[in-house]
Amino acid sequence: MKKFFLVLLLGFSSLFAFEDLTNENFDQKISNKNVIIEFYASW
């Protein structure tokens, strides 16, 4: 039962994984995947 909750927790946390995208890695990171991209400015 503990393993189930651990796997469930890890799976759920990966839904909210953030990665910095650059011009160089943008196409590679989003190819053949469903993604949500948030654009923002730090200023």
C-alpha atoms as a PDB file:
ATOM      1  CA  MET A   1       0.000   0.000   0.000  1.00  0.00           C
ATOM      2  CA  LYS A   2       2.868   2.382   0.766  1.00  0.00           C
ATOM      3  CA  LYS A   3       4.387   1.717  -2.659  1.00  0.00           C
ATOM      4  CA  PHE A   4       1.093   2.597  -4.309  1.00  0.00           C
ATOM      5  CA  PHE A   5       0.924   5.974  -2.568  1.00  0.00           C
ATOM      6  CA  LEU A   6       4.579   6.680  -3.349  1.00  0.00           C
ATOM      7  CA  VAL A   7       4.043   5.963  -7.040  1.00  0.00           C
ATOM      8  CA  LEU A   8       0.849   8.008  -7.013  1.00  0.00           C
ATOM      9  CA  LEU A   9       2.622  10.917  -5.324  1.00  0.00           C
ATOM     10  CA  LEU A  10       5.540  10.847  -7.753  1.00  0.00           C
ATOM     11  CA  GLY A  11       3.190  10.637 -10.721  1.00  0.00           C
ATOM     12  CA  PHE A  12       1.120  13.550  -9.453  1.00  0.00           C
ATOM     13  CA  SER A  13       4.144  15.716  -8.766  1.00  0.00           C
ATOM     14  CA  SER A  14       5.468  15.146 -12.281  1.00  0.00           C
ATOM     15  CA  LEU A  15       2.313  16.784 -13.634  1.00  0.00           C
ATOM     16  CA  PHE A  16       3.600  20.065 -12.264  1.00  0.00           C
ATOM     17  CA  ALA A  17       7.201  19.775 -13.430  1.00  0.00           C
ATOM     18  CA  PHE A  18       8.550  23.032 -14.793  1.00  0.00           C
ATOM     19  CA  GLU A  19      11.367  23.383 -17.284  1.00  0.00           C
ATOM     20  CA  ASP A  20      13.020  26.438 -18.719  1.00  0.00           C
ATOM     21  CA  LEU A  21      12.703  26.457 -22.490  1.00  0.00           C
ATOM     22  CA  THR A  22      15.166  28.209 -24.740  1.00  0.00           C
ATOM     23  CA  ASN A  23      15.294  28.740 -28.478  1.00  0.00           C
ATOM     24  CA  GLU A  24      17.739  25.853 -28.714  1.00  0.00           C
ATOM     25  CA  ASN A  25      15.715  23.207 -26.836  1.00  0.00           C
ATOM     26  CA  PHE A  26      12.116  24.321 -27.521  1.00  0.00           C
ATOM     27  CA  ASP A  27      11.396  22.007 -30.471  1.00  0.00           C
ATOM     28  CA  GLN A  28      13.006  19.019 -28.771  1.00  0.00           C
ATOM     29  CA  LYS A  29      11.086  19.456 -25.510  1.00  0.00           C
ATOM     30  CA  ILE A  30       7.624  19.840 -27.037  1.00  0.00           C
ATOM     31  CA  SER A  31       7.828  17.352 -29.925  1.00  0.00           C
ATOM     32  CA  ASN A  32       5.202  14.582 -29.767  1.00  0.00           C
ATOM     33  CA  LYS A  33       3.920  15.671 -26.354  1.00  0.00           C
ATOM     34  CA  ASN A  34       0.909  17.445 -24.945  1.00  0.00           C
ATOM     35  CA  VAL A  35       2.271  20.481 -23.146  1.00  0.00           C
ATOM     36  CA  ILE A  36       1.090  23.683 -21.540  1.00  0.00           C
ATOM     37  CA  ILE A  37       3.458  26.589 -22.032  1.00  0.00           C
ATOM     38  CA  GLU A  38       3.239  29.650 -19.842  1.00  0.00           C
ATOM     39  CA  PHE A  39       4.967  32.770 -21.083  1.00  0.00           C
ATOM     40  CA  TYR A  40       5.841  35.444 -18.575  1.00  0.00           C
ATOM     41  CA  ALA A  41       8.139  38.352 -17.957  1.00  0.00           C
ATOM     42  CA  SER A  42      10.100  38.714 -14.740  1.00  0.00           C
ATOM     43  CA  TRP A  43       9.872  42.485 -14.756  1.00  0.00           C
END
